[in-house]
Amino acid sequence: MKVHEYLKLPYNYIIKPIHDESGFYFHATVLEFDGCQSTGETFQEAYDGLMEAMEGWIETKLENGFSVPAPLDSDRFSGKFLIRLPKSLHARLAVEAEKEGVSLNQYTLYKLSH
């Protein structure tokens, strides 16, 4: 497959507004491509830069004999997974969730996302 064919595939772009000590800007990444990123003063600038970064990222992988990951298919994820954990951690999370007045599932989701 050639670079332009990869660029037509439905990859997952993440473009977030950032406000930090350096100011306000947008940061863009491709979920499937580790290290492929761009920034811009506007959403469009970050997106355009990401398209250029993707092209270079894919070219480099192909030129060096590496494979390019396929887009993640979100339809294959149910939103549920089972995890085994020590009883003491389960108890601690349950107590913390109760203190916050939320379900254990809600509290665990919060902890995983932060």
C-alpha atoms as a PDB file:
ATOM      1  CA  MET A   1       0.000   0.000   0.000  1.00  0.00           C
ATOM      2  CA  LYS A   2       1.250   3.510  -0.811  1.00  0.00           C
ATOM      3  CA  VAL A   3       1.331   6.571   1.472  1.00  0.00           C
ATOM      4  CA  HIS A   4      -1.651   8.292  -0.170  1.00  0.00           C
ATOM      5  CA  GLU A   5      -3.730   5.119   0.283  1.00  0.00           C
ATOM      6  CA  TYR A   6      -2.972   5.042   4.018  1.00  0.00           C
ATOM      7  CA  LEU A   7      -3.959   8.702   4.318  1.00  0.00           C
ATOM      8  CA  LYS A   8      -7.460   7.839   3.032  1.00  0.00           C
ATOM      9  CA  LEU A   9      -8.051   5.311   5.834  1.00  0.00           C
ATOM     10  CA  PRO A  10     -10.209   6.278   8.860  1.00  0.00           C
ATOM     11  CA  TYR A  11      -7.507   6.882  11.462  1.00  0.00           C
ATOM     12  CA  ASN A  12      -8.450   8.406  14.815  1.00  0.00           C
ATOM     13  CA  TYR A  13      -7.307  12.015  15.192  1.00  0.00           C
ATOM     14  CA  ILE A  14      -7.283  13.722  18.560  1.00  0.00           C
ATOM     15  CA  ILE A  15      -7.106  17.513  18.482  1.00  0.00           C
ATOM     16  CA  LYS A  16      -7.259  19.180  21.880  1.00  0.00           C
ATOM     17  CA  PRO A  17      -7.184  22.841  22.886  1.00  0.00           C
ATOM     18  CA  ILE A  18      -4.303  23.431  25.309  1.00  0.00           C
ATOM     19  CA  HIS A  19      -3.880  26.378  27.649  1.00  0.00           C
ATOM     20  CA  ASP A  20      -0.610  26.254  29.557  1.00  0.00           C
ATOM     21  CA  GLU A  21       2.392  28.408  30.464  1.00  0.00           C
ATOM     22  CA  SER A  22       3.286  28.793  26.785  1.00  0.00           C
ATOM     23  CA  GLY A  23      -0.171  30.119  25.861  1.00  0.00           C
ATOM     24  CA  PHE A  24      -3.181  28.785  23.995  1.00  0.00           C
ATOM     25  CA  TYR A  25      -2.817  26.379  21.082  1.00  0.00           C
ATOM     26  CA  PHE A  26      -4.130  23.105  19.666  1.00  0.00           C
ATOM     27  CA  HIS A  27      -2.297  19.790  19.971  1.00  0.00           C
ATOM     28  CA  ALA A  28      -3.059  17.070  17.406  1.00  0.00           C
ATOM     29  CA  THR A  29      -2.142  13.377  17.436  1.00  0.00           C
ATOM     30  CA  VAL A  30      -3.070  10.167  15.651  1.00  0.00           C
ATOM     31  CA  LEU A  31      -4.147   7.490  18.112  1.00  0.00           C
ATOM     32  CA  GLU A  32      -2.644   4.670  16.036  1.00  0.00           C
ATOM     33  CA  PHE A  33       0.705   6.377  15.226  1.00  0.00           C
ATOM     34  CA  ASP A  34       3.007   6.660  18.232  1.00  0.00           C
ATOM     35  CA  GLY A  35       4.836   9.992  18.167  1.00  0.00           C
ATOM     36  CA  CYS A  36       2.954  11.452  15.198  1.00  0.00           C
ATOM     37  CA  GLN A  37       1.812  14.889  16.316  1.00  0.00           C
ATOM     38  CA  SER A  38       1.432  18.540  15.456  1.00  0.00           C
ATOM     39  CA  THR A  39       0.476  21.823  17.074  1.00  0.00           C
ATOM     40  CA  GLY A  40      -1.095  24.982  15.744  1.00  0.00           C
ATOM     41  CA  GLU A  41      -2.547  28.289  16.827  1.00  0.00           C
ATOM     42  CA  THR A  42      -5.901  27.214  15.337  1.00  0.00           C
ATOM     43  CA  PHE A  43      -7.717  23.906  15.024  1.00  0.00           C
ATOM     44  CA  GLN A  44      -7.249  23.979  11.251  1.00  0.00           C
ATOM     45  CA  GLU A  45      -3.524  24.720  11.544  1.00  0.00           C
ATOM     46  CA  ALA A  46      -3.068  21.770  13.925  1.00  0.00           C
ATOM     47  CA  TYR A  47      -5.087  19.507  11.601  1.00  0.00           C
ATOM     48  CA  ASP A  48      -3.148  20.563   8.494  1.00  0.00           C
ATOM     49  CA  GLY A  49       0.135  20.037  10.331  1.00  0.00           C
ATOM     50  CA  LEU A  50      -1.038  16.609  11.448  1.00  0.00           C
ATOM     51  CA  MET A  51      -1.795  15.606   7.858  1.00  0.00           C
ATOM     52  CA  GLU A  52       1.788  16.548   6.912  1.00  0.00           C
ATOM     53  CA  ALA A  53       3.173  14.726   9.954  1.00  0.00           C
ATOM     54  CA  MET A  54       1.167  11.615   9.073  1.00  0.00           C
ATOM     55  CA  GLU A  55       2.542  11.600   5.552  1.00  0.00           C
ATOM     56  CA  GLY A  56       6.109  11.816   6.828  1.00  0.00           C
ATOM     57  CA  TRP A  57       5.470   9.240   9.561  1.00  0.00           C
ATOM     58  CA  ILE A  58       4.037   6.721   7.093  1.00  0.00           C
ATOM     59  CA  GLU A  59       6.795   7.356   4.511  1.00  0.00           C
ATOM     60  CA  THR A  60       9.473   6.763   7.141  1.00  0.00           C
ATOM     61  CA  LYS A  61       7.873   3.510   8.308  1.00  0.00           C
ATOM     62  CA  LEU A  62       7.522   2.180   4.760  1.00  0.00           C
ATOM     63  CA  GLU A  63      11.030   3.233   3.667  1.00  0.00           C
ATOM     64  CA  ASN A  64      12.527   1.413   6.647  1.00  0.00           C
ATOM     65  CA  GLY A  65      10.540  -1.791   6.176  1.00  0.00           C
ATOM     66  CA  PHE A  66       8.179  -1.312   9.108  1.00  0.00           C
ATOM     67  CA  SER A  67       4.456  -1.941   8.982  1.00  0.00           C
ATOM     68  CA  VAL A  68       1.889   0.826   9.340  1.00  0.00           C
ATOM     69  CA  PRO A  69      -0.860   0.073  11.873  1.00  0.00           C
ATOM     70  CA  ALA A  70      -4.400  -0.271  10.612  1.00  0.00           C
ATOM     71  CA  PRO A  71      -7.046   2.119  11.950  1.00  0.00           C
ATOM     72  CA  LEU A  72      -8.667   1.006  15.194  1.00  0.00           C
ATOM     73  CA  ASP A  73     -12.203  -0.202  14.652  1.00  0.00           C
ATOM     74  CA  SER A  74     -14.231   1.236  17.543  1.00  0.00           C
ATOM     75  CA  ASP A  75     -17.151  -1.094  16.717  1.00  0.00           C
ATOM     76  CA  ARG A  76     -15.221  -4.034  18.113  1.00  0.00           C
ATOM     77  CA  PHE A  77     -15.087  -2.503  21.618  1.00  0.00           C
ATOM     78  CA  SER A  78     -18.107  -3.028  23.874  1.00  0.00           C
ATOM     79  CA  GLY A  79     -17.113  -0.541  26.564  1.00  0.00           C
ATOM     80  CA  LYS A  80     -16.785  -3.331  29.136  1.00  0.00           C
ATOM     81  CA  PHE A  81     -13.821  -5.300  30.408  1.00  0.00           C
ATOM     82  CA  LEU A  82     -13.185  -7.520  33.407  1.00  0.00           C
ATOM     83  CA  ILE A  83     -10.270  -6.868  35.724  1.00  0.00           C
ATOM     84  CA  ARG A  84      -9.055  -8.886  38.681  1.00  0.00           C
ATOM     85  CA  LEU A  85      -7.540  -6.940  41.567  1.00  0.00           C
ATOM     86  CA  PRO A  86      -6.514  -7.567  45.156  1.00  0.00           C
ATOM     87  CA  LYS A  87      -9.348  -7.573  47.709  1.00  0.00           C
ATOM     88  CA  SER A  88      -7.704  -4.707  49.583  1.00  0.00           C
ATOM     89  CA  LEU A  89      -7.699  -2.488  46.474  1.00  0.00           C
ATOM     90  CA  HIS A  90     -11.300  -3.430  45.698  1.00  0.00           C
ATOM     91  CA  ALA A  91     -12.284  -2.468  49.247  1.00  0.00           C
ATOM     92  CA  ARG A  92     -10.374   0.827  49.107  1.00  0.00           C
ATOM     93  CA  LEU A  93     -11.959   1.812  45.791  1.00  0.00           C
ATOM     94  CA  ALA A  94     -15.429   0.894  47.069  1.00  0.00           C
ATOM     95  CA  VAL A  95     -14.957   3.021  50.206  1.00  0.00           C
ATOM     96  CA  GLU A  96     -13.634   5.978  48.174  1.00  0.00           C
ATOM     97  CA  ALA A  97     -16.562   5.689  45.733  1.00  0.00           C
ATOM     98  CA  GLU A  98     -19.016   5.660  48.627  1.00  0.00           C
ATOM     99  CA  LYS A  99     -17.387   8.774  50.134  1.00  0.00           C
ATOM    100  CA  GLU A 100     -17.792  10.527  46.770  1.00  0.00           C
ATOM    101  CA  GLY A 101     -21.411   9.363  46.487  1.00  0.00           C
ATOM    102  CA  VAL A 102     -20.903   7.569  43.165  1.00  0.00           C
ATOM    103  CA  SER A 103     -20.954   3.972  42.007  1.00  0.00           C
ATOM    104  CA  LEU A 104     -17.781   1.899  41.998  1.00  0.00           C
ATOM    105  CA  ASN A 105     -17.957   1.832  38.177  1.00  0.00           C
ATOM    106  CA  GLN A 106     -18.195   5.630  37.956  1.00  0.00           C
ATOM    107  CA  TYR A 107     -15.362   6.106  40.431  1.00  0.00           C
ATOM    108  CA  THR A 108     -13.118   3.595  38.666  1.00  0.00           C
ATOM    109  CA  LEU A 109     -13.783   5.266  35.327  1.00  0.00           C
ATOM    110  CA  TYR A 110     -12.835   8.603  36.860  1.00  0.00           C
ATOM    111  CA  LYS A 111      -9.596   7.166  38.284  1.00  0.00           C
ATOM    112  CA  LEU A 112      -8.651   5.506  34.983  1.00  0.00           C
ATOM    113  CA  SER A 113      -9.230   8.673  32.969  1.00  0.00           C
ATOM    114  CA  HIS A 114      -7.090  10.941  35.184  1.00  0.00           C
END
